[in-house]
Protein backbone atom coordinates (compact mmCIF):
# COMPACT_ATOMS: atom_id res chain seq x y z
CA MET A 1 150.69 187.98 101.69
CA LYS A 2 153.57 186.48 103.34
CA ASN A 3 151.57 183.04 104.02
CA ILE A 4 150.66 182.71 100.56
CA LEU A 5 154.16 183.56 99.38
CA TRP A 6 155.13 180.84 101.69
CA PHE A 7 152.54 178.40 100.25
CA VAL A 8 154.12 179.02 96.55
CA VAL A 9 157.51 178.63 97.97
CA LEU A 10 156.27 174.84 99.56
CA PHE A 11 154.77 173.91 96.40
CA ALA A 12 157.19 174.66 93.66
CA SER A 13 157.85 172.12 91.26
CA PHE A 14 160.78 170.06 91.42
CA ILE A 15 163.76 171.05 89.58
CA PHE A 16 166.30 168.10 88.98
CA ALA A 17 169.76 169.14 88.67
CA ASP A 18 173.27 167.68 88.42
CA ASP A 19 175.08 167.04 92.04
CA ILE A 20 175.99 170.56 93.67
CA SER A 21 177.80 168.69 96.08
CA ASN A 22 180.01 165.63 97.25
CA LEU A 23 178.80 163.67 100.11
CA GLN A 24 181.63 161.98 102.06
CA ARG A 25 182.04 159.36 104.31
CA VAL A 26 183.35 159.61 107.88
CA SER A 27 183.87 156.57 109.82
CA GLY A 28 181.31 154.91 112.35
CA LYS A 29 178.10 153.32 112.36
CA PHE A 30 175.07 155.04 113.19
CA LYS A 31 171.67 154.65 113.55
CA GLN A 32 170.93 158.06 113.97
CA VAL A 33 173.03 161.35 113.75
CA SER A 34 172.48 165.33 114.90
CA SER A 35 174.01 168.24 112.74
CA GLY A 36 174.81 171.30 114.94
CA LYS A 37 177.92 173.15 116.35
CA THR A 38 179.66 169.17 116.14
CA ALA A 39 177.70 166.68 114.92
CA TRP A 40 176.33 163.99 117.35
CA SER A 41 175.18 160.53 117.25
CA VAL A 42 173.72 157.61 118.62
CA ASP A 43 175.30 153.77 117.51
CA TYR A 44 173.04 150.82 117.42
CA LYS A 45 173.89 149.95 121.34
CA ASN A 46 172.48 153.41 122.42
CA HIS A 47 175.63 154.69 122.98
CA VAL A 48 176.07 158.41 122.31
CA TYR A 49 179.05 160.03 120.84
CA TYR A 50 180.25 163.40 119.52
CA TRP A 51 182.39 164.75 116.78
CA ALA A 52 185.88 166.07 117.24
CA ASP A 53 187.68 165.25 114.49
CA LYS A 54 186.66 161.49 115.54
CA TRP A 55 184.04 159.99 117.86
CA VAL A 56 184.24 161.00 121.24
CA ARG A 57 181.71 158.71 123.59
CA VAL A 58 180.24 160.70 126.34
CA LYS A 59 178.34 159.12 129.17
CA GLY A 60 174.68 157.64 129.12
CA SER A 61 172.13 155.47 127.14
CA PHE A 62 170.04 157.07 124.61
CA VAL A 63 167.98 156.11 121.91
CA GLN A 64 167.72 159.73 119.94
CA VAL A 65 170.23 162.57 120.19
CA ALA A 66 169.86 166.36 119.05
CA THR A 67 171.86 169.32 118.83
CA SER A 68 171.96 172.45 117.45
CA ALA A 69 174.15 175.29 115.92
CA ASP A 70 174.69 176.97 119.86
CA ASN A 71 175.53 173.21 121.10
CA THR A 72 172.50 172.85 122.77
CA VAL A 73 172.52 169.19 123.26
CA CYS A 74 169.32 166.85 124.39
CA ALA A 75 168.68 162.90 124.01
CA ILE A 76 165.70 160.79 124.53
CA SER A 77 166.27 157.81 127.50
CA GLU A 78 165.64 154.46 126.95
CA ASP A 79 162.34 155.26 129.35
CA ASN A 80 161.23 157.94 127.12
CA ARG A 81 162.47 161.25 129.07
CA ALA A 82 164.53 164.00 127.64
CA TYR A 83 167.17 164.97 129.31
CA ARG A 84 169.47 168.39 128.09
CA TRP A 85 173.64 167.65 128.44
CA ARG A 86 175.16 170.87 130.51
CA ASN A 87 178.68 170.90 132.26
CA LYS A 88 179.37 167.50 130.85
CA LYS A 89 176.45 165.71 132.67
CA TRP A 90 173.20 164.56 131.77
CA HIS A 91 170.17 166.62 133.24
CA ILE A 92 166.32 165.29 133.54
CA MET A 93 164.65 168.55 131.14
CA ALA A 94 160.77 166.97 132.89
CA ASP A 95 158.71 163.78 134.35
CA TYR A 96 157.13 163.68 130.92
CA GLU A 97 157.03 161.26 128.51
CA VAL A 98 158.99 162.31 125.00
CA ILE A 99 159.85 160.12 122.07
CA PHE A 100 161.11 162.52 119.93
CA ILE A 101 163.05 166.01 119.89
CA ALA A 102 164.39 168.40 117.77
CA VAL A 103 166.63 171.40 118.52
CA GLY A 104 166.64 174.35 117.27
CA SER A 105 168.45 176.65 119.71
CA LYS A 106 168.80 176.57 123.38
CA LYS A 107 165.23 178.81 123.21
CA HIS A 108 163.63 176.32 120.65
CA ILE A 109 163.19 172.74 121.58
CA TRP A 110 160.56 170.88 120.68
CA GLY A 111 159.35 166.84 120.78
CA ILE A 112 156.70 164.54 120.25
CA SER A 113 155.16 162.96 123.17
CA ALA A 114 153.72 159.63 123.65
CA GLN A 115 150.57 160.27 122.77
CA ASN A 116 152.35 161.55 118.91
CA THR A 117 151.18 164.84 119.87
CA ILE A 118 153.87 167.79 119.28
CA ILE A 119 155.02 169.51 122.27
CA GLU A 120 157.19 172.90 123.00
CA TRP A 121 159.86 172.93 125.24
CA ASP A 122 159.13 176.19 127.69
CA PRO A 123 162.39 177.14 129.43
CA LEU A 124 161.11 179.70 132.06
CA GLN A 125 158.60 177.37 133.43
CA LYS A 126 160.90 174.27 132.71
CA LEU A 127 158.01 172.14 130.77
CA TRP A 128 156.51 170.90 127.84
CA ILE A 129 153.62 172.51 125.95
CA GLU A 130 151.26 170.60 124.05
CA HIS A 131 150.05 171.40 120.77
CA PRO A 132 146.84 169.74 119.69
CA ILE A 133 148.15 167.46 116.27
CA GLU A 134 149.31 164.36 115.93
CA VAL A 135 152.62 163.83 114.19
CA SER A 136 155.29 161.37 112.97
CA SER A 137 158.06 163.55 112.94
CA VAL A 138 159.11 167.50 113.66
CA SER A 139 162.37 169.56 112.44
CA VAL A 140 163.00 173.16 113.89
CA GLY A 141 165.21 175.45 112.87
CA ARG A 142 167.52 178.00 114.75
CA ASP A 143 165.32 180.72 113.89
CA GLY A 144 162.16 178.79 115.69
CA PHE A 145 160.98 177.90 112.31
CA VAL A 146 159.21 174.08 112.83
CA TRP A 147 157.95 171.36 110.65
CA ALA A 148 155.93 169.06 111.64
CA SER A 149 154.92 165.66 109.44
CA ALA A 150 151.65 163.77 109.93
CA PRO A 151 150.81 160.77 108.39
CA ASN A 152 149.92 161.58 104.54
CA ASN A 153 149.95 165.56 105.77
CA SER A 154 152.45 167.88 106.93
CA SER A 155 152.20 171.30 109.01
CA PHE A 156 154.51 174.46 109.28
CA PHE A 157 154.47 176.88 112.24
CA THR A 158 154.99 180.02 111.45
CA ASN A 159 153.74 183.55 112.84
CA GLY A 160 152.74 182.35 115.92
CA GLN A 161 150.17 179.65 114.84
CA TRP A 162 149.94 176.31 112.98
CA GLN A 163 149.47 175.71 108.87
CA ARG A 164 148.64 172.81 107.33
CA SER A 165 150.25 172.19 103.74
CA ARG A 166 150.38 169.05 101.60
CA ALA A 167 154.11 168.11 100.98
CA ASP A 168 155.45 165.72 98.50
CA PHE A 169 158.17 164.58 100.52
CA ARG A 170 158.38 162.00 103.42
CA ASP A 171 160.69 164.24 105.55
CA ILE A 172 161.46 168.20 105.56
CA ILE A 173 164.98 169.01 107.87
CA VAL A 174 164.61 172.89 108.73
CA ASP A 175 168.17 174.85 108.78
CA ASP A 176 166.35 177.87 109.13
CA MET A 177 162.79 179.16 107.39
CA SER A 178 164.84 180.03 104.25
CA ASN A 179 167.10 177.10 104.47
CA LEU A 180 164.93 174.22 103.80
CA TRP A 181 165.97 170.40 102.74
CA ALA A 182 163.87 167.11 102.08
CA LEU A 183 164.07 163.67 101.51
CA ASP A 184 161.43 161.49 99.31
CA VAL A 185 160.48 158.38 99.71
CA GLU A 186 163.26 156.87 97.52
CA ASN A 187 165.94 158.63 99.50
CA ASN A 188 167.05 161.47 97.53
CA VAL A 189 167.88 164.68 98.93
CA PHE A 190 166.29 167.66 98.04
CA ARG A 191 167.27 171.71 99.08
CA LEU A 192 165.13 174.56 98.46
CA GLN A 193 166.85 177.02 96.28
CA ASN A 194 165.14 180.21 94.97
CA GLY A 195 161.86 178.72 95.42
CA SER A 196 162.37 175.18 93.71
CA TRP A 197 163.60 171.97 95.04
CA VAL A 198 166.69 171.01 93.63
CA GLN A 199 167.72 167.43 94.14
CA VAL A 200 171.50 167.42 95.72
CA PHE A 201 172.49 164.05 96.32
CA PRO A 202 172.07 160.38 94.69
CA PRO A 203 169.48 158.30 95.92
CA ALA A 204 171.53 157.01 99.28
CA LEU A 205 170.50 158.78 102.40
CA SER A 206 167.68 157.26 105.04
CA GLN A 207 168.03 160.09 107.64
CA LEU A 208 169.28 163.85 107.43
CA SER A 209 170.35 166.67 109.70
CA VAL A 210 170.98 170.08 108.75
CA SER A 211 172.62 173.09 111.32
CA ASN A 212 174.07 176.43 110.22
CA GLY A 213 174.62 174.89 106.76
CA LYS A 214 176.38 171.84 107.84
CA VAL A 215 174.78 168.91 106.56
CA TRP A 216 175.07 165.30 108.20
CA GLY A 217 173.61 162.09 107.08
CA ILE A 218 173.14 158.13 107.78
CA SER A 219 172.72 155.45 104.84
CA SER A 220 170.08 152.83 105.00
CA CYS A 221 173.29 150.73 106.55
CA GLY A 222 173.81 153.07 108.86
CA LYS A 223 177.43 154.40 107.29
CA ILE A 224 177.64 158.01 108.37
CA TYR A 225 178.36 161.21 105.30
CA ARG A 226 178.61 164.70 105.62
CA PHE A 227 178.26 167.60 102.97
CA GLU A 228 181.03 169.50 101.57
CA SER A 229 180.28 172.49 99.54
CA PRO A 230 181.98 175.80 99.19
CA VAL A 231 180.92 177.09 102.74
CA PHE A 232 181.41 173.70 104.12
CA ALA A 233 184.98 172.32 103.97
CA SER A 234 184.79 169.09 105.29
CA GLU A 235 187.58 166.81 106.22
CA SER A 236 185.87 163.39 105.62
CA GLU A 237 187.76 160.82 104.06
CA GLU A 238 185.88 158.64 101.86
CA LEU A 239 183.36 160.23 98.50
CA LEU A 240 180.20 158.59 97.82
CA GLN A 241 180.43 156.87 94.42
CA PRO A 242 178.96 154.69 92.62
CA ILE A 243 180.30 151.02 92.93
CA GLU A 244 180.74 147.71 91.87
CA GLN A 245 178.22 145.21 93.40
CA THR A 246 180.06 142.06 94.69
CA SER A 247 178.13 139.19 91.87
CA TRP A 248 175.98 136.03 93.50
CA SER A 249 176.08 132.95 91.73
CA TRP A 250 172.09 131.58 91.23
CA GLN A 251 173.26 129.21 94.06
CA GLU A 252 174.58 131.87 96.30
CA LEU A 253 170.70 133.87 95.56
CA ASN A 254 169.13 130.61 96.38
CA ASP A 255 170.88 129.54 99.37
CA VAL A 256 170.32 133.39 100.83
CA VAL A 257 166.88 132.93 99.75
CA ASP A 258 166.36 130.19 101.99
CA ARG A 259 168.42 131.06 104.57
CA TYR A 260 166.29 134.58 105.62
CA PHE A 261 162.53 133.73 104.17
CA PRO A 262 160.23 134.61 107.03
CA TYR A 263 157.76 132.38 108.81
CA VAL A 264 154.54 134.07 108.94
CA TYR A 265 151.86 133.71 111.98
CA MET A 266 148.19 134.69 110.68
CA SER A 267 146.11 135.98 113.14
CA SER A 268 143.57 133.62 114.65
CA GLU A 269 140.78 135.60 114.56
CA ASP A 270 141.31 135.53 110.49
CA ARG A 271 139.98 132.95 108.43
CA PHE A 272 141.50 134.41 105.30
CA HIS A 273 144.84 132.89 104.17
CA PRO A 274 147.36 132.72 101.37
CA SER A 275 147.37 130.42 98.56
CA SER A 276 149.64 130.06 95.46
CA VAL A 277 148.00 132.22 92.46
CA GLU A 278 147.37 128.72 90.38
CA TRP A 279 145.56 127.60 93.34
CA LEU A 280 143.27 130.44 93.01
CA LEU A 281 142.78 130.08 89.37
CA ASP A 282 142.06 126.36 89.56
CA ARG A 283 138.90 127.56 91.71
CA VAL A 284 137.48 130.73 90.10
CA SER A 285 136.39 132.25 87.18
CA LEU A 286 137.71 135.01 84.84
CA VAL A 287 135.33 137.79 84.26
CA LYS A 288 135.32 140.82 81.79
CA LYS A 289 133.84 143.92 82.35
CA GLN A 290 133.41 146.39 79.39
CA SER A 291 130.58 149.05 79.18
CA GLY A 292 129.14 148.32 82.49
CA GLU A 293 128.34 144.59 81.23
CA GLU A 294 130.19 141.57 83.05
CA VAL A 295 130.72 138.45 81.49
CA ILE A 296 132.53 135.07 82.22
CA VAL A 297 134.95 134.74 80.14
CA ALA A 298 136.70 131.28 81.53
CA LYS A 299 136.04 128.50 83.97
CA PRO A 300 137.52 126.26 85.51
CA PRO A 301 140.15 124.46 84.11
CA HIS A 302 140.30 126.87 81.50
CA THR A 303 140.60 130.20 83.85
CA LYS A 304 144.69 129.78 83.63
CA GLU A 305 145.35 129.65 79.89
CA GLU A 306 142.94 132.47 79.57
CA VAL A 307 144.67 134.56 82.17
CA TYR A 308 148.25 134.11 80.92
CA LYS A 309 146.79 135.10 77.68
CA ILE A 310 146.47 138.45 78.45
CA LYS A 311 149.60 140.71 78.69
CA SER A 312 148.32 144.27 78.43
CA PRO A 313 145.77 146.09 79.34
CA GLN A 314 142.79 146.27 76.67
CA LYS A 315 141.08 149.58 75.81
CA GLY A 316 137.53 149.92 77.34
CA ALA A 317 138.26 146.38 79.52
CA LEU A 318 138.76 145.00 82.84
CA TYR A 319 139.44 141.47 83.44
CA TYR A 320 139.49 140.11 86.96
CA PRO A 321 139.27 136.88 88.34
CA SER A 322 135.90 136.21 90.78
CA ILE A 323 135.79 134.46 93.76
CA LYS A 324 131.89 134.78 93.82
CA GLY A 325 130.38 131.99 94.56
CA THR A 326 133.34 129.68 95.55
CA GLU A 327 135.05 128.83 98.77
CA ALA A 328 138.21 130.46 97.21
CA LYS A 329 138.38 133.63 99.74
CA ARG A 330 139.71 131.17 102.17
CA GLY A 331 142.84 130.28 100.36
CA ASP A 332 145.23 127.52 101.66
CA ILE A 333 147.91 127.96 103.70
CA HIS A 334 149.23 124.10 103.22
CA THR A 335 150.55 125.05 99.32
CA ALA A 336 150.34 128.59 99.10
CA THR A 337 153.81 129.77 97.48
CA MET A 338 155.90 132.36 98.64
CA TYR A 339 156.98 134.28 95.83
CA VAL A 340 160.56 136.23 95.71
CA ASN A 341 161.40 139.22 93.58
CA ALA A 342 165.55 140.00 94.48
CA LYS A 343 166.81 143.56 93.31
CA ARG A 344 169.73 145.67 93.22
CA ILE A 345 168.43 149.19 92.46
CA ASN A 346 171.05 151.10 94.81
CA ALA A 347 174.38 151.74 92.84
CA TYR A 348 176.25 153.43 95.71
CA GLN A 349 176.15 150.60 98.33
CA ASP A 350 176.38 146.96 98.37
CA TYR A 351 173.54 145.03 99.14
CA THR A 352 170.43 143.06 97.65
CA ASP A 353 166.52 143.48 98.47
CA ILE A 354 165.25 140.12 98.85
CA GLN A 355 161.18 140.89 98.37
CA TYR A 356 159.15 137.70 99.86
CA TRP A 357 155.79 137.87 98.47
CA PHE A 358 152.52 136.67 100.09
CA PHE A 359 149.19 136.24 97.96
CA TYR A 360 145.77 136.28 100.04
CA PRO A 361 142.77 135.42 97.89
CA TYR A 362 140.38 137.72 100.18
CA ASN A 363 141.44 140.84 102.11
CA GLY A 364 139.05 140.79 105.01
CA SER A 365 136.90 144.20 105.94
CA GLY A 366 138.84 146.18 108.83
CA THR A 367 138.49 147.54 112.00
CA LEU A 368 139.09 151.14 113.30
CA VAL A 369 139.82 153.14 116.15
CA ILE A 370 137.13 156.30 116.06
CA PHE A 371 138.09 158.61 119.19
CA GLY A 372 139.31 155.65 121.44
CA GLU A 373 136.81 153.52 120.45
CA ILE A 374 137.80 149.95 118.93
CA VAL A 375 134.73 149.81 115.90
CA PRO A 376 134.63 146.34 113.85
CA VAL A 377 133.29 147.70 110.23
CA SER A 378 131.33 145.74 107.64
CA LEU A 379 132.75 147.18 104.11
CA PHE A 380 135.43 149.22 104.78
CA GLY A 381 138.59 147.76 103.71
CA ALA A 382 137.14 144.52 102.25
CA HIS A 383 138.34 143.68 98.60
CA GLU A 384 138.80 140.28 96.29
CA GLY A 385 142.85 139.76 96.02
CA ASP A 386 145.27 141.04 98.06
CA TRP A 387 149.56 140.83 97.57
CA GLU A 388 151.41 141.65 100.57
CA HIS A 389 155.11 141.39 100.87
CA ILE A 390 158.14 141.80 103.29
CA THR A 391 162.00 142.86 102.57
CA VAL A 392 165.20 141.51 103.81
CA ARG A 393 168.12 143.80 103.15
CA VAL A 394 171.28 141.59 102.75
CA ASP A 395 174.81 142.77 102.79
CA ASN A 396 176.66 141.54 99.64
CA VAL A 397 179.75 140.38 101.27
CA THR A 398 178.74 138.88 104.44
CA ARG A 399 175.68 137.67 103.29
CA ASP A 400 173.65 139.47 107.10
CA VAL A 401 170.86 141.27 107.36
CA GLN A 402 170.85 144.52 107.52
CA ALA A 403 167.08 145.45 107.99
CA ILE A 404 164.19 144.65 107.21
CA TYR A 405 160.90 146.51 105.91
CA PHE A 406 157.55 145.53 106.77
CA SER A 407 154.74 146.52 104.05
CA GLN A 408 151.45 147.99 105.53
CA HIS A 409 148.36 148.96 103.72
CA GLY A 410 150.68 150.76 100.44
CA GLY A 411 153.08 152.00 102.46
CA GLY A 412 155.28 150.09 105.31
CA GLU A 413 158.33 150.53 107.90
CA TRP A 414 161.95 149.82 107.60
CA ILE A 415 163.80 148.26 110.59
CA PHE A 416 167.56 147.90 110.85
CA ASP A 417 167.29 147.52 114.37
CA LEU A 418 167.37 143.36 114.05
CA SER A 419 166.66 143.77 117.72
CA LYS A 420 163.36 144.87 117.49
CA ILE A 421 162.64 141.93 115.33
CA LYS A 422 161.61 138.48 116.28
CA TRP A 423 163.35 134.98 114.77
CA LYS A 424 163.19 131.82 114.51
CA ASN A 425 166.19 129.28 113.48
CA GLY A 426 167.75 132.92 112.24
CA HIS A 427 164.42 133.59 110.12
CA PRO A 428 162.54 136.70 110.78
CA ILE A 429 159.10 136.12 111.86
CA VAL A 430 156.35 138.07 110.73
CA TYR A 431 152.71 138.75 112.15
CA SER A 432 149.84 139.04 109.96
CA SER A 433 146.96 141.60 110.58
CA LYS A 434 143.32 140.47 110.79
CA HIS A 435 141.93 140.67 107.31
CA GLY A 436 144.00 143.44 106.31
CA HIS A 437 147.21 141.12 105.80
CA ALA A 438 149.67 143.95 106.56
CA SER A 439 152.95 142.59 107.93
CA TYR A 440 154.47 143.32 111.65
CA PRO A 441 157.30 142.74 113.73
CA LYS A 442 155.16 142.20 117.13
CA ILE A 443 152.28 141.40 118.47
CA GLY A 444 149.44 143.57 119.45
CA LEU A 445 146.53 146.55 118.01
CA ASN A 446 149.30 148.09 115.72
CA LYS A 447 146.85 151.43 115.42
CA ASP A 448 147.56 153.21 112.65
CA ALA A 449 145.70 156.42 113.56
CA PHE A 450 145.35 159.93 113.15
CA LEU A 451 144.14 162.51 115.36
CA ASN A 452 142.58 158.92 117.27
CA VAL A 453 140.90 158.01 113.90
CA GLY A 454 142.37 154.78 111.87
CA LEU A 455 143.23 151.56 111.45
CA VAL A 456 143.65 148.67 113.83
CA ASN A 457 145.70 146.17 112.78
CA LYS A 458 145.69 143.26 115.14
CA THR A 459 148.02 140.51 115.25
CA ASP A 460 148.66 137.45 117.53
CA LYS A 461 150.05 134.00 117.39
CA GLY A 462 147.73 131.85 115.36
CA PRO A 463 148.43 129.49 112.70
CA LEU A 464 152.11 129.18 111.48
CA TRP A 465 153.21 129.69 107.46
CA ASP A 466 155.93 127.64 107.20
CA ALA A 467 157.29 128.12 103.36
CA THR A 468 160.22 125.81 103.70
CA GLY A 469 159.68 124.31 99.97
CA GLN A 470 157.09 126.45 98.82
CA LEU A 471 159.63 129.37 97.48
CA LYS A 472 159.79 130.45 93.82
CA ILE A 473 161.86 133.34 92.55
CA ILE A 474 159.91 134.60 89.83
CA GLY A 475 162.49 138.07 89.22
CA THR A 476 166.39 139.20 90.30
CA TRP A 477 168.40 141.52 88.64
CA ASP A 478 169.88 141.29 85.03
CA GLU A 479 172.90 139.48 86.13
CA LEU A 480 170.88 136.42 86.79
CA GLN A 481 167.53 136.69 85.01
CA SER A 482 168.40 134.08 82.38
CA TYR A 483 168.11 131.70 85.48
CA VAL A 484 164.28 132.87 86.24
CA SER A 485 161.35 131.30 84.76
CA PRO A 486 158.80 134.00 85.65
CA PRO A 487 155.46 132.42 86.11
CA GLN A 488 152.65 133.11 83.01
CA TRP A 489 150.51 134.89 85.10
CA LEU A 490 152.95 137.89 86.80
CA ASP A 491 152.35 140.07 83.66
CA PHE A 492 148.47 139.98 84.01
CA PRO A 493 147.63 143.91 83.98
CA TYR A 494 144.84 143.78 85.81
CA ASP A 495 143.84 143.92 89.29
CA TRP A 496 143.72 140.38 90.96
CA GLY A 497 139.75 140.55 92.03
CA MET A 498 136.59 142.23 91.55
CA PRO A 499 136.82 146.24 91.04
CA ARG A 500 136.13 148.07 94.50
CA LEU A 501 133.30 149.85 95.69
CA PRO A 502 134.24 153.72 94.87
CA TYR A 503 134.29 155.79 98.22
CA SER A 504 130.85 157.48 99.48
CA LYS A 505 128.96 158.61 102.30
CA GLU A 506 126.64 155.97 102.10
CA LEU A 507 128.83 153.39 101.84
CA LEU A 508 130.51 154.82 104.76
CA TYR A 509 127.21 154.59 107.20
CA LYS A 510 126.42 151.33 105.40
CA SER A 511 129.93 150.69 106.95
CA PHE A 512 129.39 151.47 110.44
CA PRO A 513 125.71 150.31 110.67
CA THR A 514 126.39 150.54 115.01
CA LEU A 515 127.24 154.55 114.65
CA PRO A 516 125.39 157.96 114.65
CA ARG A 517 125.45 159.35 111.38
CA TRP A 518 126.47 162.80 112.83
CA THR A 519 129.91 160.65 114.21
CA ILE A 520 130.37 159.28 110.43
CA ASP A 521 130.10 163.09 109.28
CA LEU A 522 132.48 164.47 111.99
CA VAL A 523 135.15 161.72 110.58
CA ALA A 524 134.41 161.50 107.14
CA PRO A 525 137.56 163.43 106.12
CA VAL A 526 139.64 161.40 107.50
CA LEU A 527 137.67 158.00 106.96
CA LYS A 528 137.69 159.09 102.93
CA GLU A 529 141.52 159.45 103.11
CA MET A 530 141.44 156.15 104.41
CA TRP A 531 139.43 154.42 102.11
CA ASN A 532 141.07 155.52 99.02
CA THR A 533 144.37 154.70 100.81
CA ILE A 534 143.33 150.84 101.96
CA VAL A 535 141.71 149.66 98.85
CA THR A 536 144.23 150.95 96.52
CA GLY A 537 147.02 148.99 95.66
CA GLY A 538 146.39 146.09 97.10
CA PRO A 539 144.96 143.90 94.64
CA ALA A 540 147.65 144.68 92.09
CA GLY A 541 150.31 142.04 90.73
CA PRO A 542 153.68 142.03 92.49
CA LYS A 543 155.11 143.39 88.97
CA GLN A 544 152.73 146.18 88.48
CA LYS A 545 153.90 147.59 92.05
CA GLY A 546 156.38 150.49 92.56
CA SER A 547 158.62 148.95 94.70
CA TRP A 548 159.17 145.37 92.46
CA ASP A 549 161.59 147.79 90.75
CA GLY A 550 162.25 150.51 92.67
CA PRO A 551 162.76 151.61 96.37
CA GLU A 552 160.15 150.86 99.42
């Protein structure tokens, strides 16, 4: 009965309310903060500090620090070893690779191993105990309650066992079992109150830590804040309030766009390259599908004018450009256009997000890892029309890059440590994955796996796409919108390719002709989730995606 009640609490509907608190600015700029008896933080040079009415630096270089209400402090070194702070010195906990650590108290220390499995510290045996579940984050309360998040799922640990549930947030932050906080994908902050999730902060924080009611957070550009409420008196300096955005002229926007557009390296094994939309429409037909029948509406050179006429969906009808019987799959990297959308959606910080959109006529079939084996597949993930992008976040005053977002299969990752990104003449380098065209900052397999089953996103230094002279701004915020001449295809309300095949077991069997069917059946639930993720969203045009005028 207790577990049933707990599930009811977890899945309670959202109740949005006026702010019940104020975020207040604290001096300093950091990449990570942890709340405890006092707060500890790590800056972008991996220096570690604790808060004592000001930031006090301690010896050592660490990538992450975690603390608790009983003043237990642990940290992760650059070589992935866990240390504990005792008697003003760092002491290694065990010779074991740990990439993330969470501390609820001296009795409740958890982490994530180098294999992305969750691990629990045994203080008596002084060793890590591994639990067989792959996770992306973990949070532990002072009472030992644990919440661990995994791709597309969340799990929590209670009554001595793991239980799994679906979560509506990207991260759950645990103070104790009765005091849960959450961050959603738009960086809104919520707290569980009386069985309902209540929004307490505006969309401004990218990282959050809570301990004994003390809440610390970091904005997407590294500014640090803490929470003031009737039970937590803060001595902070600056209220987080909407600000007036620094104005740019049209020329200034163009200068920034030109300064930071990415150099994109295609995979050397990928023959499906980007193109401009106009290049595609000059080579393909427009097809109308209705009542199960497909009819060609227009052929080149009339395809463009017919596509431009379609501004809103028509009931019962489906339109799409068809590359069937053409060579349009290959694209044309030499004439490809990089489309730009500049947006300002956060009223609490003075920055601009510059989206660089890439169009590919065709997304090839994927490559998977299944229980450690790399498996090419014939149908999995293949579809016509593929829109990808990166986002460069620029400080409105200094015009410096604050962070870069790399889109990947309906999701993506923000990178705030710019040293993890390669640069060429001041431009970020993007590696486009083989066939899927997901964007990565590095060369490699870039596995996206859950329980050792998932996608392989192979990147290398293949043909270079240099979009110099091929940039086109197609969207911006209201102040500069009058300067923009949006292309006529931008409002096309349908996908940019033929409808994708729905998921079925038979389709899986065809996609993996070399694997025994019992193997496919074993991993089918994970593959189904991947199928629905991979083939959804990519063919939709940029303006039809939520990130066009919303957060990434």
